[in-house]
Amino acid sequence: MKGAIVGFGVIASTGHTPAYLAMKEHAIVAVADPVEARRRAAEEQIPGVRTYATYQELLADADPLGLDFVDIATPPSVHLEVALAAASKGLHVLCEKPITTSLEQARAMLLAARDNRVTIFPCHNYKHAPVVKEMRAAIESGRIGRVRSATLTTFRTTNAKGTPDWITDWRRMREHSGGGIVMDHGSHSCYLTFMFFGGRPPRSVAARTYQLDAGYDTEDNVCAALTFDEGFAQMHLSWTAGVRKVIYALQGSEGAVVVDEDDAQLFMGGRTERKTIVSKFDDASHTAWFTSMFDQFVADIAAGNHVTGELKESYWCIATIEAIYRSAGERAREVTIDTDLKFLE
């Protein structure tokens, strides 16, 4: 396939592009970015790439370029408009998380995939971390029984930084990001909890958000409790921690799994199994995870899957994020989550 990247910032240049350059059967042939320095960076990194100042100019050349898909790596505030424009031209879409910044926009994204018969696929890359795949295997094999609770903790010393050629701290600006750490890292934690509880979203949430660093209009910490039909999950995310670390734990009816970065411990039937599974959580680019995820994107395109399971998950992510903000605004009152997909019928 031939693809184009819209938005050539840090994640596109350090995460997506190295993965594409290592692929033999797929290639990036065009890049759109409003910042000239980023276009020059794309030209230096991708041999023979054509660059454009706007995505509209790029899409106008979609046929001459022979495009099959568009990779959207812009800030979330413009995800929907780029996706709708690409889908209307029959192009498949790979989109960074969060898929949109509101549930209304997320509905429009799903309907665009259905109505234009294109695959729209969110970058839910944490599902492709090797150690997370091990957790999934422990669940699916039945080794820990039925999952009844999960704890997901993500510590960061600051928000992920954007390119200095544009706005370094755009993730702390609601205008561009749609929210703070809940909208950013919260997406990862949400879709992982769905996976842990059998691919279904939670029923309700109670949450508190906090802003410890002044000078922004977004939160940098959140604590949330998600209620599922089969149990509950706890989510703790921080941009003000003294360490960069990921800790996940699953408690099942027959055992447990605890993951601390690359170290995994499985507790089953009174015995403990320890594994080191290199996942490189400290590498923010996650290039290896991207390759695994892109293979799934290609498979969905080949199978003619348009409103994919991953896309539905992205909708549930936004529904959960909106509910977290609503609960936090009401001092942690438990609120229900709107995960109904009847609008697709």
C-alpha atoms as a PDB file:
ATOM      1  CA  MET A   1       0.000   0.000   0.000  1.00  0.00           C
ATOM      2  CA  LYS A   2       0.949   3.639  -0.477  1.00  0.00           C
ATOM      3  CA  GLY A   3       0.256   6.019   2.368  1.00  0.00           C
ATOM      4  CA  ALA A   4       0.482   9.653   3.410  1.00  0.00           C
ATOM      5  CA  ILE A   5       1.177  11.094   6.850  1.00  0.00           C
ATOM      6  CA  VAL A   6      -0.736  14.171   7.978  1.00  0.00           C
ATOM      7  CA  GLY A   7       1.123  15.862  10.822  1.00  0.00           C
ATOM      8  CA  PHE A   8       4.870  15.212  10.942  1.00  0.00           C
ATOM      9  CA  GLY A   9       5.587  15.837  14.612  1.00  0.00           C
ATOM     10  CA  VAL A  10       7.449  13.760  17.175  1.00  0.00           C
ATOM     11  CA  ILE A  11       5.294  10.634  17.055  1.00  0.00           C
ATOM     12  CA  ALA A  12       5.224  10.575  13.238  1.00  0.00           C
ATOM     13  CA  SER A  13       8.968  11.123  12.848  1.00  0.00           C
ATOM     14  CA  THR A  14      10.208   8.896  15.688  1.00  0.00           C
ATOM     15  CA  GLY A  15       7.500   6.227  15.874  1.00  0.00           C
ATOM     16  CA  HIS A  16       5.557   5.780  12.656  1.00  0.00           C
ATOM     17  CA  THR A  17       8.148   6.660  10.028  1.00  0.00           C
ATOM     18  CA  PRO A  18      10.973   4.345  11.200  1.00  0.00           C
ATOM     19  CA  ALA A  19       8.454   1.489  11.100  1.00  0.00           C
ATOM     20  CA  TYR A  20       7.350   2.387   7.568  1.00  0.00           C
ATOM     21  CA  LEU A  21      10.947   2.677   6.370  1.00  0.00           C
ATOM     22  CA  ALA A  22      11.595  -0.871   7.585  1.00  0.00           C
ATOM     23  CA  MET A  23       8.634  -2.242   5.615  1.00  0.00           C
ATOM     24  CA  LYS A  24       9.237  -3.678   2.153  1.00  0.00           C
ATOM     25  CA  GLU A  25       5.640  -3.925   0.958  1.00  0.00           C
ATOM     26  CA  HIS A  26       4.290  -0.523   2.111  1.00  0.00           C
ATOM     27  CA  ALA A  27       5.611   3.022   1.671  1.00  0.00           C
ATOM     28  CA  ILE A  28       4.906   6.601   2.686  1.00  0.00           C
ATOM     29  CA  VAL A  29       4.859   8.743  -0.462  1.00  0.00           C
ATOM     30  CA  ALA A  30       3.538  12.059   0.885  1.00  0.00           C
ATOM     31  CA  VAL A  31       3.491  14.172   4.048  1.00  0.00           C
ATOM     32  CA  ALA A  32       1.410  17.221   4.965  1.00  0.00           C
ATOM     33  CA  ASP A  33       2.398  19.620   7.736  1.00  0.00           C
ATOM     34  CA  PRO A  34       1.810  23.394   8.024  1.00  0.00           C
ATOM     35  CA  VAL A  35       5.295  23.967   9.501  1.00  0.00           C
ATOM     36  CA  GLU A  36       8.015  24.282   6.863  1.00  0.00           C
ATOM     37  CA  ALA A  37      10.695  22.887   9.171  1.00  0.00           C
ATOM     38  CA  ARG A  38       8.638  19.724   9.635  1.00  0.00           C
ATOM     39  CA  ARG A  39       8.195  19.326   5.886  1.00  0.00           C
ATOM     40  CA  ARG A  40      11.953  19.628   5.450  1.00  0.00           C
ATOM     41  CA  ALA A  41      12.446  17.036   8.195  1.00  0.00           C
ATOM     42  CA  ALA A  42      10.117  14.650   6.344  1.00  0.00           C
ATOM     43  CA  GLU A  43      12.032  15.145   3.110  1.00  0.00           C
ATOM     44  CA  GLU A  44      15.305  14.364   4.862  1.00  0.00           C
ATOM     45  CA  GLN A  45      13.929  11.249   6.559  1.00  0.00           C
ATOM     46  CA  ILE A  46      11.795   9.698   3.789  1.00  0.00           C
ATOM     47  CA  PRO A  47      13.464   9.220   0.399  1.00  0.00           C
ATOM     48  CA  GLY A  48      11.456  10.683  -2.485  1.00  0.00           C
ATOM     49  CA  VAL A  49       8.545  11.883  -0.350  1.00  0.00           C
ATOM     50  CA  ARG A  50       6.344  14.735  -1.592  1.00  0.00           C
ATOM     51  CA  THR A  51       5.376  17.342   0.973  1.00  0.00           C
ATOM     52  CA  TYR A  52       2.396  19.682   1.281  1.00  0.00           C
ATOM     53  CA  ALA A  53       1.521  22.588   3.551  1.00  0.00           C
ATOM     54  CA  THR A  54      -2.075  21.396   4.037  1.00  0.00           C
ATOM     55  CA  TYR A  55      -3.854  18.069   4.059  1.00  0.00           C
ATOM     56  CA  GLN A  56      -6.327  19.485   1.540  1.00  0.00           C
ATOM     57  CA  GLU A  57      -3.524  19.985  -1.004  1.00  0.00           C
ATOM     58  CA  LEU A  58      -2.248  16.485  -0.326  1.00  0.00           C
ATOM     59  CA  LEU A  59      -5.679  14.870  -0.754  1.00  0.00           C
ATOM     60  CA  ALA A  60      -6.202  16.756  -4.007  1.00  0.00           C
ATOM     61  CA  ASP A  61      -3.239  14.737  -5.316  1.00  0.00           C
ATOM     62  CA  ALA A  62      -4.480  11.428  -3.879  1.00  0.00           C
ATOM     63  CA  ASP A  63      -5.101   9.846  -7.285  1.00  0.00           C
ATOM     64  CA  PRO A  64      -1.793  10.872  -8.917  1.00  0.00           C
ATOM     65  CA  LEU A  65       0.015   9.706  -5.798  1.00  0.00           C
ATOM     66  CA  GLY A  66      -1.843   6.381  -5.863  1.00  0.00           C
ATOM     67  CA  LEU A  67      -2.767   6.685  -2.192  1.00  0.00           C
ATOM     68  CA  ASP A  68      -4.405   3.804  -0.334  1.00  0.00           C
ATOM     69  CA  PHE A  69      -4.427   5.214   3.204  1.00  0.00           C
ATOM     70  CA  VAL A  70      -3.779   8.286   5.339  1.00  0.00           C
ATOM     71  CA  ASP A  71      -1.949   8.156   8.677  1.00  0.00           C
ATOM     72  CA  ILE A  72      -3.266  10.974  10.901  1.00  0.00           C
ATOM     73  CA  ALA A  73      -0.656  12.052  13.462  1.00  0.00           C
ATOM     74  CA  THR A  74      -1.912  15.552  14.179  1.00  0.00           C
ATOM     75  CA  PRO A  75      -3.136  16.826  17.552  1.00  0.00           C
ATOM     76  CA  PRO A  76      -6.588  15.339  18.351  1.00  0.00           C
ATOM     77  CA  SER A  77      -8.493  18.568  17.701  1.00  0.00           C
ATOM     78  CA  VAL A  78      -8.257  18.031  13.922  1.00  0.00           C
ATOM     79  CA  HIS A  79      -8.460  14.229  13.733  1.00  0.00           C
ATOM     80  CA  LEU A  80     -12.092  14.209  12.648  1.00  0.00           C
ATOM     81  CA  GLU A  81     -11.847  16.761   9.836  1.00  0.00           C
ATOM     82  CA  VAL A  82      -8.840  15.021   8.283  1.00  0.00           C
ATOM     83  CA  ALA A  83     -10.444  11.579   8.623  1.00  0.00           C
ATOM     84  CA  LEU A  84     -13.722  12.709   7.055  1.00  0.00           C
ATOM     85  CA  ALA A  85     -11.875  14.294   4.126  1.00  0.00           C
ATOM     86  CA  ALA A  86      -9.781  11.161   3.560  1.00  0.00           C
ATOM     87  CA  ALA A  87     -12.724   8.775   3.908  1.00  0.00           C
ATOM     88  CA  SER A  88     -14.788  10.806   1.425  1.00  0.00           C
ATOM     89  CA  LYS A  89     -12.076  10.062  -1.159  1.00  0.00           C
ATOM     90  CA  GLY A  90     -12.229   6.341  -0.409  1.00  0.00           C
ATOM     91  CA  LEU A  91      -8.951   6.287   1.532  1.00  0.00           C
ATOM     92  CA  HIS A  92      -8.427   4.072   4.562  1.00  0.00           C
ATOM     93  CA  VAL A  93      -7.408   5.854   7.764  1.00  0.00           C
ATOM     94  CA  LEU A  94      -4.933   5.071  10.518  1.00  0.00           C
ATOM     95  CA  CYS A  95      -5.444   7.606  13.310  1.00  0.00           C
ATOM     96  CA  GLU A  96      -3.510   8.417  16.452  1.00  0.00           C
ATOM     97  CA  LYS A  97      -5.357   8.231  19.742  1.00  0.00           C
ATOM     98  CA  PRO A  98      -7.611   9.637  21.023  1.00  0.00           C
ATOM     99  CA  ILE A  99      -9.672   9.119  17.884  1.00  0.00           C
ATOM    100  CA  THR A 100     -11.557  12.386  18.555  1.00  0.00           C
ATOM    101  CA  THR A 101     -12.070  14.787  21.465  1.00  0.00           C
ATOM    102  CA  SER A 102     -15.823  14.276  21.942  1.00  0.00           C
ATOM    103  CA  LEU A 103     -18.415  11.529  21.715  1.00  0.00           C
ATOM    104  CA  GLU A 104     -20.339  13.438  19.049  1.00  0.00           C
ATOM    105  CA  GLN A 105     -17.201  13.519  16.885  1.00  0.00           C
ATOM    106  CA  ALA A 106     -16.540   9.840  17.566  1.00  0.00           C
ATOM    107  CA  ARG A 107     -20.006   8.964  16.248  1.00  0.00           C
ATOM    108  CA  ALA A 108     -19.232  10.885  13.068  1.00  0.00           C
ATOM    109  CA  MET A 109     -15.972   8.941  12.698  1.00  0.00           C
ATOM    110  CA  LEU A 110     -17.720   5.558  12.932  1.00  0.00           C
ATOM    111  CA  LEU A 111     -20.440   6.619  10.516  1.00  0.00           C
ATOM    112  CA  ALA A 112     -17.786   7.824   8.046  1.00  0.00           C
ATOM    113  CA  ALA A 113     -16.170   4.375   8.076  1.00  0.00           C
ATOM    114  CA  ARG A 114     -19.524   2.699   7.510  1.00  0.00           C
ATOM    115  CA  ASP A 115     -20.889   5.057   4.877  1.00  0.00           C
ATOM    116  CA  ASN A 116     -17.679   5.364   2.842  1.00  0.00           C
ATOM    117  CA  ARG A 117     -16.801   1.674   3.227  1.00  0.00           C
ATOM    118  CA  VAL A 118     -13.260   2.410   4.372  1.00  0.00           C
ATOM    119  CA  THR A 119     -11.303   1.020   7.306  1.00  0.00           C
ATOM    120  CA  ILE A 120     -10.676   3.554  10.066  1.00  0.00           C
ATOM    121  CA  PHE A 121      -8.244   2.170  12.609  1.00  0.00           C
ATOM    122  CA  PRO A 122      -7.066   3.835  15.857  1.00  0.00           C
ATOM    123  CA  CYS A 123      -3.469   3.617  17.064  1.00  0.00           C
ATOM    124  CA  HIS A 124      -4.141   1.522  20.166  1.00  0.00           C
ATOM    125  CA  ASN A 125      -0.500   0.496  20.250  1.00  0.00           C
ATOM    126  CA  TYR A 126      -0.203  -0.555  23.913  1.00  0.00           C
ATOM    127  CA  LYS A 127      -2.177  -3.698  23.047  1.00  0.00           C
ATOM    128  CA  HIS A 128       0.839  -4.674  20.938  1.00  0.00           C
ATOM    129  CA  ALA A 129       3.460  -4.375  23.687  1.00  0.00           C
ATOM    130  CA  PRO A 130       4.959  -7.861  24.168  1.00  0.00           C
ATOM    131  CA  VAL A 131       4.318  -7.897  27.902  1.00  0.00           C
ATOM    132  CA  VAL A 132       0.673  -6.883  27.369  1.00  0.00           C
ATOM    133  CA  LYS A 133       0.336  -9.723  24.867  1.00  0.00           C
ATOM    134  CA  GLU A 134       1.554 -12.018  27.664  1.00  0.00           C
ATOM    135  CA  MET A 135      -1.182 -10.680  29.957  1.00  0.00           C
ATOM    136  CA  ARG A 136      -3.763 -11.338  27.257  1.00  0.00           C
ATOM    137  CA  ALA A 137      -2.457 -14.876  26.809  1.00  0.00           C
ATOM    138  CA  ALA A 138      -2.769 -15.491  30.554  1.00  0.00           C
ATOM    139  CA  ILE A 139      -6.424 -14.471  30.387  1.00  0.00           C
ATOM    140  CA  GLU A 140      -7.330 -16.363  27.212  1.00  0.00           C
ATOM    141  CA  SER A 141      -5.617 -19.557  28.362  1.00  0.00           C
ATOM    142  CA  GLY A 142      -7.677 -19.569  31.565  1.00  0.00           C
ATOM    143  CA  ARG A 143      -4.531 -19.764  33.698  1.00  0.00           C
ATOM    144  CA  ILE A 144      -5.697 -17.042  36.091  1.00  0.00           C
ATOM    145  CA  GLY A 145      -9.411 -17.791  35.803  1.00  0.00           C
ATOM    146  CA  ARG A 146     -11.972 -15.041  35.376  1.00  0.00           C
ATOM    147  CA  VAL A 147     -10.612 -11.507  35.716  1.00  0.00           C
ATOM    148  CA  ARG A 148     -12.343  -9.745  38.593  1.00  0.00           C
ATOM    149  CA  SER A 149     -10.227  -6.639  39.073  1.00  0.00           C
ATOM    150  CA  ALA A 150      -7.470  -4.759  37.300  1.00  0.00           C
ATOM    151  CA  THR A 151      -5.133  -1.947  38.287  1.00  0.00           C
ATOM    152  CA  LEU A 152      -3.432   0.248  35.683  1.00  0.00           C
ATOM    153  CA  THR A 153      -0.838   2.754  36.865  1.00  0.00           C
ATOM    154  CA  THR A 154       1.117   5.023  34.522  1.00  0.00           C
ATOM    155  CA  PHE A 155       3.734   7.356  35.968  1.00  0.00           C
ATOM    156  CA  ARG A 156       5.357  10.119  33.937  1.00  0.00           C
ATOM    157  CA  THR A 157       7.534  13.022  35.073  1.00  0.00           C
ATOM    158  CA  THR A 158       5.854  15.330  32.544  1.00  0.00           C
ATOM    159  CA  ASN A 159       3.580  15.272  29.533  1.00  0.00           C
ATOM    160  CA  ALA A 160       4.967  13.949  26.256  1.00  0.00           C
ATOM    161  CA  LYS A 161       6.617  16.832  24.436  1.00  0.00           C
ATOM    162  CA  GLY A 162       5.839  17.962  20.916  1.00  0.00           C
ATOM    163  CA  THR A 163       8.328  19.248  18.393  1.00  0.00           C
ATOM    164  CA  PRO A 164       9.983  22.612  19.229  1.00  0.00           C
ATOM    165  CA  ASP A 165       9.216  23.613  15.634  1.00  0.00           C
ATOM    166  CA  TRP A 166       5.571  24.058  16.677  1.00  0.00           C
ATOM    167  CA  ILE A 167       4.078  23.981  20.213  1.00  0.00           C
ATOM    168  CA  THR A 168       6.087  21.807  22.599  1.00  0.00           C
ATOM    169  CA  ASP A 169       3.375  21.533  25.271  1.00  0.00           C
ATOM    170  CA  TRP A 170       0.284  21.280  23.065  1.00  0.00           C
ATOM    171  CA  ARG A 171      -0.885  18.260  25.109  1.00  0.00           C
ATOM    172  CA  ARG A 172      -1.498  20.634  28.033  1.00  0.00           C
ATOM    173  CA  MET A 173      -3.639  22.971  25.901  1.00  0.00           C
ATOM    174  CA  ARG A 174      -7.298  21.978  25.642  1.00  0.00           C
ATOM    175  CA  GLU A 175      -7.629  23.839  22.326  1.00  0.00           C
ATOM    176  CA  HIS A 176      -5.354  21.268  20.660  1.00  0.00           C
ATOM    177  CA  SER A 177      -5.579  18.198  22.890  1.00  0.00           C
ATOM    178  CA  GLY A 178      -9.178  18.208  24.054  1.00  0.00           C
ATOM    179  CA  GLY A 179      -8.030  17.498  27.614  1.00  0.00           C
ATOM    180  CA  GLY A 180      -5.039  16.572  29.729  1.00  0.00           C
ATOM    181  CA  ILE A 181      -3.716  13.221  30.880  1.00  0.00           C
ATOM    182  CA  VAL A 182      -7.195  11.670  30.842  1.00  0.00           C
ATOM    183  CA  MET A 183      -7.541  12.366  27.123  1.00  0.00           C
ATOM    184  CA  ASP A 184      -3.940  11.374  26.363  1.00  0.00           C
ATOM    185  CA  HIS A 185      -2.790   8.398  28.466  1.00  0.00           C
ATOM    186  CA  GLY A 186      -6.367   7.699  29.509  1.00  0.00           C
ATOM    187  CA  SER A 187      -7.052   6.322  26.044  1.00  0.00           C
ATOM    188  CA  HIS A 188      -4.428   3.604  26.547  1.00  0.00           C
ATOM    189  CA  SER A 189      -5.724   2.636  29.972  1.00  0.00           C
ATOM    190  CA  CYS A 190      -9.323   2.550  28.762  1.00  0.00           C
ATOM    191  CA  TYR A 191      -8.859   0.172  25.840  1.00  0.00           C
ATOM    192  CA  LEU A 192      -6.613  -2.093  27.918  1.00  0.00           C
ATOM    193  CA  THR A 193      -9.311  -2.459  30.567  1.00  0.00           C
ATOM    194  CA  PHE A 194     -11.807  -3.344  27.820  1.00  0.00           C
ATOM    195  CA  MET A 195      -9.429  -6.085  26.657  1.00  0.00           C
ATOM    196  CA  PHE A 196      -8.922  -7.395  30.203  1.00  0.00           C
ATOM    197  CA  PHE A 197     -12.678  -7.671  30.721  1.00  0.00           C
ATOM    198  CA  GLY A 198     -13.500  -9.604  27.560  1.00  0.00           C
ATOM    199  CA  GLY A 199     -13.648  -6.783  25.027  1.00  0.00           C
ATOM    200  CA  ARG A 200     -16.510  -4.941  26.670  1.00  0.00           C
ATOM    201  CA  PRO A 201     -16.652  -1.373  28.059  1.00  0.00           C
ATOM    202  CA  PRO A 202     -17.476  -0.444  31.673  1.00  0.00           C
ATOM    203  CA  ARG A 203     -20.956   0.455  32.898  1.00  0.00           C
ATOM    204  CA  SER A 204     -20.000   3.374  35.141  1.00  0.00           C
ATOM    205  CA  VAL A 205     -17.112   5.359  36.584  1.00  0.00           C
ATOM    206  CA  ALA A 206     -16.262   7.460  39.626  1.00  0.00           C
ATOM    207  CA  ALA A 207     -13.225   9.724  39.244  1.00  0.00           C
ATOM    208  CA  ARG A 208     -11.247  12.684  40.502  1.00  0.00           C
ATOM    209  CA  THR A 209      -8.853  14.765  38.434  1.00  0.00           C
ATOM    210  CA  TYR A 210      -6.141  17.086  39.721  1.00  0.00           C
ATOM    211  CA  GLN A 211      -3.939  19.863  38.382  1.00  0.00           C
ATOM    212  CA  LEU A 212      -0.685  20.004  40.321  1.00  0.00           C
ATOM    213  CA  ASP A 213       1.317  22.050  37.812  1.00  0.00           C
ATOM    214  CA  ALA A 214      -0.110  25.531  37.277  1.00  0.00           C
ATOM    215  CA  GLY A 215      -0.156  27.461  34.049  1.00  0.00           C
ATOM    216  CA  TYR A 216      -2.290  25.112  31.917  1.00  0.00           C
ATOM    217  CA  ASP A 217      -5.993  24.554  31.352  1.00  0.00           C
ATOM    218  CA  THR A 218      -5.815  20.758  31.635  1.00  0.00           C
ATOM    219  CA  GLU A 219      -5.423  18.156  34.384  1.00  0.00           C
ATOM    220  CA  ASP A 220      -2.171  16.272  35.021  1.00  0.00           C
ATOM    221  CA  ASN A 221      -3.402  13.540  37.397  1.00  0.00           C
ATOM    222  CA  VAL A 222      -6.442  11.276  37.608  1.00  0.00           C
ATOM    223  CA  CYS A 223      -7.726   8.485  39.817  1.00  0.00           C
ATOM    224  CA  ALA A 224     -10.721   6.558  38.486  1.00  0.00           C
ATOM    225  CA  ALA A 225     -12.696   3.436  39.379  1.00  0.00           C
ATOM    226  CA  LEU A 226     -14.419   1.719  36.437  1.00  0.00           C
ATOM    227  CA  THR A 227     -17.245  -0.749  37.063  1.00  0.00           C
ATOM    228  CA  PHE A 228     -17.664  -3.670  34.643  1.00  0.00           C
ATOM    229  CA  ASP A 229     -20.274  -6.415  34.615  1.00  0.00           C
ATOM    230  CA  GLU A 230     -17.626  -8.888  35.827  1.00  0.00           C
ATOM    231  CA  GLY A 231     -15.635  -6.693  38.192  1.00  0.00           C
ATOM    232  CA  PHE A 232     -13.818  -3.355  38.399  1.00  0.00           C
ATOM    233  CA  ALA A 233     -10.668  -1.557  37.311  1.00  0.00           C
ATOM    234  CA  GLN A 234      -8.625   1.146  38.977  1.00  0.00           C
ATOM    235  CA  MET A 235      -6.827   3.748  36.863  1.00  0.00           C
ATOM    236  CA  HIS A 236      -4.090   6.030  38.228  1.00  0.00           C
ATOM    237  CA  LEU A 237      -2.329   8.316  35.755  1.00  0.00           C
ATOM    238  CA  SER A 238       0.212  11.022  36.558  1.00  0.00           C
ATOM    239  CA  TRP A 239       2.299  13.552  34.661  1.00  0.00           C
ATOM    240  CA  THR A 240       3.894  14.752  37.912  1.00  0.00           C
ATOM    241  CA  ALA A 241       5.435  11.518  39.206  1.00  0.00           C
ATOM    242  CA  GLY A 242       9.098  11.264  40.153  1.00  0.00           C
ATOM    243  CA  VAL A 243       9.647   8.345  37.788  1.00  0.00           C
ATOM    244  CA  ARG A 244       8.628   7.063  34.347  1.00  0.00           C
ATOM    245  CA  LYS A 245       7.020   3.677  34.935  1.00  0.00           C
ATOM    246  CA  VAL A 246       4.094   1.450  33.962  1.00  0.00           C
ATOM    247  CA  ILE A 247       2.593  -1.035  36.454  1.00  0.00           C
ATOM    248  CA  TYR A 248      -0.350  -3.267  35.561  1.00  0.00           C
ATOM    249  CA  ALA A 249      -2.014  -5.939  37.690  1.00  0.00           C
ATOM    250  CA  LEU A 250      -4.809  -8.414  37.042  1.00  0.00           C
ATOM    251  CA  GLN A 251      -6.551 -10.317  39.817  1.00  0.00           C
ATOM    252  CA  GLY A 252      -8.367 -13.435  38.607  1.00  0.00           C
ATOM    253  CA  SER A 253     -10.479 -16.091  40.272  1.00  0.00           C
ATOM    254  CA  GLU A 254      -7.617 -18.599  39.959  1.00  0.00           C
ATOM    255  CA  GLY A 255      -4.509 -16.417  40.002  1.00  0.00           C
ATOM    256  CA  ALA A 256      -2.989 -13.054  39.163  1.00  0.00           C
ATOM    257  CA  VAL A 257      -0.590 -11.252  36.842  1.00  0.00           C
ATOM    258  CA  VAL A 258       1.574  -8.319  37.888  1.00  0.00           C
ATOM    259  CA  VAL A 259       3.596  -6.383  35.308  1.00  0.00           C
ATOM    260  CA  ASP A 260       6.232  -3.824  36.213  1.00  0.00           C
ATOM    261  CA  GLU A 261       7.665  -2.526  32.919  1.00  0.00           C
ATOM    262  CA  ASP A 262       9.374  -5.577  31.353  1.00  0.00           C
ATOM    263  CA  ASP A 263       8.997  -7.816  34.406  1.00  0.00           C
ATOM    264  CA  ALA A 264       5.956 -10.073  34.541  1.00  0.00           C
ATOM    265  CA  GLN A 265       4.913 -12.310  37.423  1.00  0.00           C
ATOM    266  CA  LEU A 266       2.165 -14.910  37.096  1.00  0.00           C
ATOM    267  CA  PHE A 267       0.656 -16.390  40.256  1.00  0.00           C
ATOM    268  CA  MET A 268      -1.260 -19.620  39.624  1.00  0.00           C
ATOM    269  CA  GLY A 269      -2.192 -22.556  41.848  1.00  0.00           C
ATOM    270  CA  GLY A 270       0.198 -21.599  44.608  1.00  0.00           C
ATOM    271  CA  ARG A 271       3.213 -21.201  42.343  1.00  0.00           C
ATOM    272  CA  THR A 272       4.901 -18.139  40.870  1.00  0.00           C
ATOM    273  CA  GLU A 273       6.222 -17.827  37.332  1.00  0.00           C
ATOM    274  CA  ARG A 274       8.530 -14.915  36.563  1.00  0.00           C
ATOM    275  CA  LYS A 275       9.368 -13.677  33.074  1.00  0.00           C
ATOM    276  CA  THR A 276      11.340 -10.807  31.588  1.00  0.00           C
ATOM    277  CA  ILE A 277       9.598  -9.694  28.395  1.00  0.00           C
ATOM    278  CA  VAL A 278      11.383  -6.764  26.795  1.00  0.00           C
ATOM    279  CA  SER A 279       8.739  -4.240  25.764  1.00  0.00           C
ATOM    280  CA  LYS A 280      10.707  -0.978  25.926  1.00  0.00           C
ATOM    281  CA  PHE A 281       8.086   1.051  27.768  1.00  0.00           C
ATOM    282  CA  ASP A 282      10.783   3.694  28.290  1.00  0.00           C
ATOM    283  CA  ASP A 283      10.940   4.270  24.513  1.00  0.00           C
ATOM    284  CA  ALA A 284       8.121   6.719  23.795  1.00  0.00           C
ATOM    285  CA  SER A 285       8.275   6.070  20.040  1.00  0.00           C
ATOM    286  CA  HIS A 286       7.141   2.402  20.394  1.00  0.00           C
ATOM    287  CA  THR A 287       8.177   1.647  16.811  1.00  0.00           C
ATOM    288  CA  ALA A 288       8.079  -2.142  17.275  1.00  0.00           C
ATOM    289  CA  TRP A 289       4.541  -1.947  18.649  1.00  0.00           C
ATOM    290  CA  PHE A 290       3.530   0.158  15.640  1.00  0.00           C
ATOM    291  CA  THR A 291       4.615  -2.557  13.212  1.00  0.00           C
ATOM    292  CA  SER A 292       2.464  -5.180  14.931  1.00  0.00           C
ATOM    293  CA  MET A 293      -0.476  -2.783  15.030  1.00  0.00           C
ATOM    294  CA  PHE A 294      -0.065  -1.845  11.354  1.00  0.00           C
ATOM    295  CA  ASP A 295      -0.241  -5.534  10.399  1.00  0.00           C
ATOM    296  CA  GLN A 296      -3.670  -5.661  12.044  1.00  0.00           C
ATOM    297  CA  PHE A 297      -4.736  -2.527  10.140  1.00  0.00           C
ATOM    298  CA  VAL A 298      -3.698  -4.165   6.858  1.00  0.00           C
ATOM    299  CA  ALA A 299      -5.537  -7.369   7.775  1.00  0.00           C
ATOM    300  CA  ASP A 300      -8.770  -5.445   8.452  1.00  0.00           C
ATOM    301  CA  ILE A 301      -8.477  -3.679   5.102  1.00  0.00           C
ATOM    302  CA  ALA A 302      -7.932  -7.001   3.328  1.00  0.00           C
ATOM    303  CA  ALA A 303     -10.950  -8.499   5.105  1.00  0.00           C
ATOM    304  CA  GLY A 304     -13.172  -5.539   4.226  1.00  0.00           C
ATOM    305  CA  ASN A 305     -13.699  -4.615   7.882  1.00  0.00           C
ATOM    306  CA  HIS A 306     -14.775  -0.985   8.058  1.00  0.00           C
ATOM    307  CA  VAL A 307     -16.216  -0.289  11.504  1.00  0.00           C
ATOM    308  CA  THR A 308     -13.630  -2.525  13.118  1.00  0.00           C
ATOM    309  CA  GLY A 309     -13.567  -3.797  16.672  1.00  0.00           C
ATOM    310  CA  GLU A 310     -10.704  -1.398  17.301  1.00  0.00           C
ATOM    311  CA  LEU A 311     -12.790   1.532  16.052  1.00  0.00           C
ATOM    312  CA  LYS A 312     -15.668   0.584  18.332  1.00  0.00           C
ATOM    313  CA  GLU A 313     -13.162   0.449  21.198  1.00  0.00           C
ATOM    314  CA  SER A 314     -12.027   3.971  20.345  1.00  0.00           C
ATOM    315  CA  TYR A 315     -15.647   5.117  20.625  1.00  0.00           C
ATOM    316  CA  TRP A 316     -15.935   3.489  24.046  1.00  0.00           C
ATOM    317  CA  CYS A 317     -12.675   5.186  25.047  1.00  0.00           C
ATOM    318  CA  ILE A 318     -14.146   8.616  24.343  1.00  0.00           C
ATOM    319  CA  ALA A 319     -17.392   7.666  26.091  1.00  0.00           C
ATOM    320  CA  THR A 320     -15.401   6.615  29.165  1.00  0.00           C
ATOM    321  CA  ILE A 321     -13.189   9.710  29.063  1.00  0.00           C
ATOM    322  CA  GLU A 322     -16.213  12.005  28.869  1.00  0.00           C
ATOM    323  CA  ALA A 323     -17.756  10.155  31.824  1.00  0.00           C
ATOM    324  CA  ILE A 324     -14.514  10.539  33.825  1.00  0.00           C
ATOM    325  CA  TYR A 325     -14.580  14.287  33.261  1.00  0.00           C
ATOM    326  CA  ARG A 326     -18.272  14.419  34.159  1.00  0.00           C
ATOM    327  CA  SER A 327     -17.712  12.455  37.363  1.00  0.00           C
ATOM    328  CA  ALA A 328     -14.699  14.558  38.334  1.00  0.00           C
ATOM    329  CA  GLY A 329     -16.737  17.707  37.773  1.00  0.00           C
ATOM    330  CA  GLU A 330     -19.273  16.375  40.288  1.00  0.00           C
ATOM    331  CA  ARG A 331     -16.647  15.462  42.914  1.00  0.00           C
ATOM    332  CA  ALA A 332     -16.396  11.768  42.065  1.00  0.00           C
ATOM    333  CA  ARG A 333     -20.092  10.997  41.793  1.00  0.00           C
ATOM    334  CA  GLU A 334     -20.539   7.651  40.019  1.00  0.00           C
ATOM    335  CA  VAL A 335     -21.926   8.242  36.526  1.00  0.00           C
ATOM    336  CA  THR A 336     -23.046   5.844  33.812  1.00  0.00           C
ATOM    337  CA  ILE A 337     -21.142   5.543  30.537  1.00  0.00           C
ATOM    338  CA  ASP A 338     -22.925   5.828  27.184  1.00  0.00           C
ATOM    339  CA  THR A 339     -21.508   2.961  25.127  1.00  0.00           C
ATOM    340  CA  ASP A 340     -24.581   2.274  22.964  1.00  0.00           C
ATOM    341  CA  LEU A 341     -23.757   1.691  19.285  1.00  0.00           C
ATOM    342  CA  LYS A 342     -27.347   1.594  18.003  1.00  0.00           C
ATOM    343  CA  PHE A 343     -26.670   4.687  15.891  1.00  0.00           C
ATOM    344  CA  LEU A 344     -24.802   2.369  13.503  1.00  0.00           C
ATOM    345  CA  GLU A 345     -27.945   0.344  12.759  1.00  0.00           C
END
